[in-house]
Amino acid sequence: MASPTATDTARRRVLLVEDDAAVRRSLQLLLVAQGYDVRAYQSAAGLADDPEALRADCLVADLMIPDGNAVTLLSKLRACGWNGKAVLISGHLTNDWAETALANGYAAAFAKPIGDRVLTNCLTRLMPAAV
């Protein structure tokens, strides 16, 4: 196995929590194509079971997931010491949920369907490339 290159080690790690398999896969492919190292999960429980999750730079989470919601998920990650950036996505985003998410640590909240450039531009802004 070849040793990692500088490009490999500089890749930003993204946690993606989305219960819809097709949406999860398409977002994962989009982000990987943009150079992100993506760990994708169907639920909060899947993320909680991953010992590598706390090493991520950013969380992209669907608001409503089978075992809770994205606001509670971020709160649990913060309680474990994770201090990365977070972006909320939702097919049911209301002004109240957006305000709640932003007040509880999300840097941005977007309604689905979300444009490819909207998400990738947001992530670029939140996580500038390593020097």
C-alpha atoms as a PDB file:
ATOM      1  CA  MET A   1       0.000   0.000   0.000  1.00  0.00           C
ATOM      2  CA  ALA A   2       1.349   3.424  -0.946  1.00  0.00           C
ATOM      3  CA  SER A   3       1.937   6.001   1.744  1.00  0.00           C
ATOM      4  CA  PRO A   4      -0.494   8.936   1.887  1.00  0.00           C
ATOM      5  CA  THR A   5       0.376  12.014  -0.109  1.00  0.00           C
ATOM      6  CA  ALA A   6       0.063  15.596   1.159  1.00  0.00           C
ATOM      7  CA  THR A   7      -3.195  15.854  -0.794  1.00  0.00           C
ATOM      8  CA  ASP A   8      -4.612  12.775   0.955  1.00  0.00           C
ATOM      9  CA  THR A   9      -3.797  14.024   4.432  1.00  0.00           C
ATOM     10  CA  ALA A  10      -5.195  17.489   3.699  1.00  0.00           C
ATOM     11  CA  ARG A  11      -8.655  16.174   2.735  1.00  0.00           C
ATOM     12  CA  ARG A  12     -11.372  17.562   4.958  1.00  0.00           C
ATOM     13  CA  ARG A  13     -13.489  14.954   6.721  1.00  0.00           C
ATOM     14  CA  VAL A  14     -17.256  15.286   6.509  1.00  0.00           C
ATOM     15  CA  LEU A  15     -19.885  13.367   8.443  1.00  0.00           C
ATOM     16  CA  LEU A  16     -23.071  12.957   6.408  1.00  0.00           C
ATOM     17  CA  VAL A  17     -26.240  11.845   8.200  1.00  0.00           C
ATOM     18  CA  GLU A  18     -29.171  11.328   5.827  1.00  0.00           C
ATOM     19  CA  ASP A  19     -31.853   8.649   6.122  1.00  0.00           C
ATOM     20  CA  ASP A  20     -32.852   8.614   2.431  1.00  0.00           C
ATOM     21  CA  ALA A  21     -30.404   6.211   0.776  1.00  0.00           C
ATOM     22  CA  ALA A  22     -30.561   7.849  -2.663  1.00  0.00           C
ATOM     23  CA  VAL A  23     -30.005  11.357  -1.284  1.00  0.00           C
ATOM     24  CA  ARG A  24     -27.237  10.107   1.007  1.00  0.00           C
ATOM     25  CA  ARG A  25     -25.428   8.402  -1.859  1.00  0.00           C
ATOM     26  CA  SER A  26     -25.735  11.332  -4.255  1.00  0.00           C
ATOM     27  CA  LEU A  27     -24.482  13.811  -1.632  1.00  0.00           C
ATOM     28  CA  GLN A  28     -21.650  11.457  -0.752  1.00  0.00           C
ATOM     29  CA  LEU A  29     -20.611  11.160  -4.411  1.00  0.00           C
ATOM     30  CA  LEU A  30     -20.811  14.939  -4.867  1.00  0.00           C
ATOM     31  CA  LEU A  31     -18.651  15.635  -1.830  1.00  0.00           C
ATOM     32  CA  VAL A  32     -16.097  12.939  -2.637  1.00  0.00           C
ATOM     33  CA  ALA A  33     -15.803  14.370  -6.164  1.00  0.00           C
ATOM     34  CA  GLN A  34     -15.044  17.741  -4.575  1.00  0.00           C
ATOM     35  CA  GLY A  35     -12.195  16.219  -2.568  1.00  0.00           C
ATOM     36  CA  TYR A  36     -13.852  15.568   0.790  1.00  0.00           C
ATOM     37  CA  ASP A  37     -13.393  12.392   2.802  1.00  0.00           C
ATOM     38  CA  VAL A  38     -17.023  11.478   3.577  1.00  0.00           C
ATOM     39  CA  ARG A  39     -18.336   9.106   6.226  1.00  0.00           C
ATOM     40  CA  ALA A  40     -22.053   8.571   5.543  1.00  0.00           C
ATOM     41  CA  TYR A  41     -24.681   7.277   7.965  1.00  0.00           C
ATOM     42  CA  GLN A  42     -28.388   6.511   7.860  1.00  0.00           C
ATOM     43  CA  SER A  43     -28.928   7.478  11.496  1.00  0.00           C
ATOM     44  CA  ALA A  44     -27.410   9.074  14.575  1.00  0.00           C
ATOM     45  CA  ALA A  45     -26.816   5.603  16.007  1.00  0.00           C
ATOM     46  CA  GLY A  46     -24.609   4.702  13.052  1.00  0.00           C
ATOM     47  CA  LEU A  47     -22.530   7.801  13.604  1.00  0.00           C
ATOM     48  CA  ALA A  48     -22.321   7.170  17.365  1.00  0.00           C
ATOM     49  CA  ASP A  49     -20.940   3.679  16.680  1.00  0.00           C
ATOM     50  CA  ASP A  50     -18.091   5.030  14.537  1.00  0.00           C
ATOM     51  CA  PRO A  51     -14.927   5.668  16.594  1.00  0.00           C
ATOM     52  CA  GLU A  52     -13.559   7.879  13.787  1.00  0.00           C
ATOM     53  CA  ALA A  53     -16.541  10.284  13.802  1.00  0.00           C
ATOM     54  CA  LEU A  54     -15.060  12.716  16.313  1.00  0.00           C
ATOM     55  CA  ARG A  55     -12.075  13.283  13.987  1.00  0.00           C
ATOM     56  CA  ALA A  56     -14.278  14.927  11.327  1.00  0.00           C
ATOM     57  CA  ASP A  57     -14.122  18.600  10.392  1.00  0.00           C
ATOM     58  CA  CYS A  58     -17.787  19.058   9.497  1.00  0.00           C
ATOM     59  CA  LEU A  59     -21.241  17.557   9.906  1.00  0.00           C
ATOM     60  CA  VAL A  60     -23.914  17.693   7.193  1.00  0.00           C
ATOM     61  CA  ALA A  61     -27.137  16.381   8.710  1.00  0.00           C
ATOM     62  CA  ASP A  62     -30.721  15.967   7.629  1.00  0.00           C
ATOM     63  CA  LEU A  63     -33.081  17.552  10.140  1.00  0.00           C
ATOM     64  CA  MET A  64     -35.300  14.513  10.653  1.00  0.00           C
ATOM     65  CA  ILE A  65     -33.523  11.199  11.065  1.00  0.00           C
ATOM     66  CA  PRO A  66     -35.039   7.892  12.248  1.00  0.00           C
ATOM     67  CA  ASP A  67     -33.637   8.140  15.768  1.00  0.00           C
ATOM     68  CA  GLY A  68     -34.025  11.848  16.488  1.00  0.00           C
ATOM     69  CA  ASN A  69     -33.194  15.126  14.848  1.00  0.00           C
ATOM     70  CA  ALA A  70     -30.108  16.971  13.725  1.00  0.00           C
ATOM     71  CA  VAL A  71     -30.219  19.528  16.547  1.00  0.00           C
ATOM     72  CA  THR A  72     -30.082  16.794  19.181  1.00  0.00           C
ATOM     73  CA  LEU A  73     -27.379  15.000  17.191  1.00  0.00           C
ATOM     74  CA  LEU A  74     -25.139  18.073  17.166  1.00  0.00           C
ATOM     75  CA  SER A  75     -25.723  18.589  20.877  1.00  0.00           C
ATOM     76  CA  LYS A  76     -24.577  15.016  21.565  1.00  0.00           C
ATOM     77  CA  LEU A  77     -21.479  15.465  19.405  1.00  0.00           C
ATOM     78  CA  ARG A  78     -20.613  18.680  21.244  1.00  0.00           C
ATOM     79  CA  ALA A  79     -21.053  16.899  24.593  1.00  0.00           C
ATOM     80  CA  CYS A  80     -18.420  14.387  23.410  1.00  0.00           C
ATOM     81  CA  GLY A  81     -15.980  17.204  22.695  1.00  0.00           C
ATOM     82  CA  TRP A  82     -16.466  17.543  18.934  1.00  0.00           C
ATOM     83  CA  ASN A  83     -16.073  21.165  17.810  1.00  0.00           C
ATOM     84  CA  GLY A  84     -16.388  20.999  14.026  1.00  0.00           C
ATOM     85  CA  LYS A  85     -18.672  23.003  11.761  1.00  0.00           C
ATOM     86  CA  ALA A  86     -22.221  21.853  11.036  1.00  0.00           C
ATOM     87  CA  VAL A  87     -24.680  22.312   8.161  1.00  0.00           C
ATOM     88  CA  LEU A  88     -28.359  21.372   8.362  1.00  0.00           C
ATOM     89  CA  ILE A  89     -30.333  20.176   5.353  1.00  0.00           C
ATOM     90  CA  SER A  90     -34.032  19.364   5.277  1.00  0.00           C
ATOM     91  CA  GLY A  91     -36.929  18.700   2.985  1.00  0.00           C
ATOM     92  CA  HIS A  92     -39.183  20.109   5.712  1.00  0.00           C
ATOM     93  CA  LEU A  93     -37.257  23.172   6.816  1.00  0.00           C
ATOM     94  CA  THR A  94     -39.364  25.845   8.481  1.00  0.00           C
ATOM     95  CA  ASN A  95     -38.237  29.232   9.750  1.00  0.00           C
ATOM     96  CA  ASP A  96     -38.580  27.954  13.323  1.00  0.00           C
ATOM     97  CA  TRP A  97     -36.372  24.915  12.676  1.00  0.00           C
ATOM     98  CA  ALA A  98     -33.798  27.030  10.830  1.00  0.00           C
ATOM     99  CA  GLU A  99     -33.642  29.487  13.737  1.00  0.00           C
ATOM    100  CA  THR A 100     -33.397  26.641  16.251  1.00  0.00           C
ATOM    101  CA  ALA A 101     -30.583  25.013  14.287  1.00  0.00           C
ATOM    102  CA  LEU A 102     -28.618  28.244  13.968  1.00  0.00           C
ATOM    103  CA  ALA A 103     -29.130  29.043  17.657  1.00  0.00           C
ATOM    104  CA  ASN A 104     -27.826  25.581  18.563  1.00  0.00           C
ATOM    105  CA  GLY A 105     -24.577  25.612  16.636  1.00  0.00           C
ATOM    106  CA  TYR A 106     -25.360  25.040  12.968  1.00  0.00           C
ATOM    107  CA  ALA A 107     -23.500  27.438  10.684  1.00  0.00           C
ATOM    108  CA  ALA A 108     -26.101  27.145   7.919  1.00  0.00           C
ATOM    109  CA  ALA A 109     -29.503  25.599   7.202  1.00  0.00           C
ATOM    110  CA  PHE A 110     -30.671  24.718   3.687  1.00  0.00           C
ATOM    111  CA  ALA A 111     -33.943  23.403   2.305  1.00  0.00           C
ATOM    112  CA  LYS A 112     -33.790  20.340   0.062  1.00  0.00           C
ATOM    113  CA  PRO A 113     -33.434  19.904  -2.750  1.00  0.00           C
ATOM    114  CA  ILE A 114     -30.174  21.733  -2.301  1.00  0.00           C
ATOM    115  CA  GLY A 115     -28.118  22.826  -5.263  1.00  0.00           C
ATOM    116  CA  ASP A 116     -24.708  21.195  -5.626  1.00  0.00           C
ATOM    117  CA  ARG A 117     -22.886  24.503  -5.593  1.00  0.00           C
ATOM    118  CA  VAL A 118     -24.831  25.782  -2.595  1.00  0.00           C
ATOM    119  CA  LEU A 119     -23.571  22.964  -0.390  1.00  0.00           C
ATOM    120  CA  THR A 120     -20.027  22.819  -1.732  1.00  0.00           C
ATOM    121  CA  ASN A 121     -19.628  26.617  -1.581  1.00  0.00           C
ATOM    122  CA  CYS A 122     -20.833  26.554   2.015  1.00  0.00           C
ATOM    123  CA  LEU A 123     -18.374  23.815   2.962  1.00  0.00           C
ATOM    124  CA  THR A 124     -15.523  25.637   1.244  1.00  0.00           C
ATOM    125  CA  ARG A 125     -16.373  28.752   3.243  1.00  0.00           C
ATOM    126  CA  LEU A 126     -16.619  26.826   6.524  1.00  0.00           C
ATOM    127  CA  MET A 127     -13.525  24.689   5.980  1.00  0.00           C
ATOM    128  CA  PRO A 128     -10.853  26.468   3.958  1.00  0.00           C
ATOM    129  CA  ALA A 129      -8.269  24.176   2.423  1.00  0.00           C
ATOM    130  CA  ALA A 130      -5.351  23.239   4.644  1.00  0.00           C
ATOM    131  CA  VAL A 131      -2.120  24.998   3.822  1.00  0.00           C
END
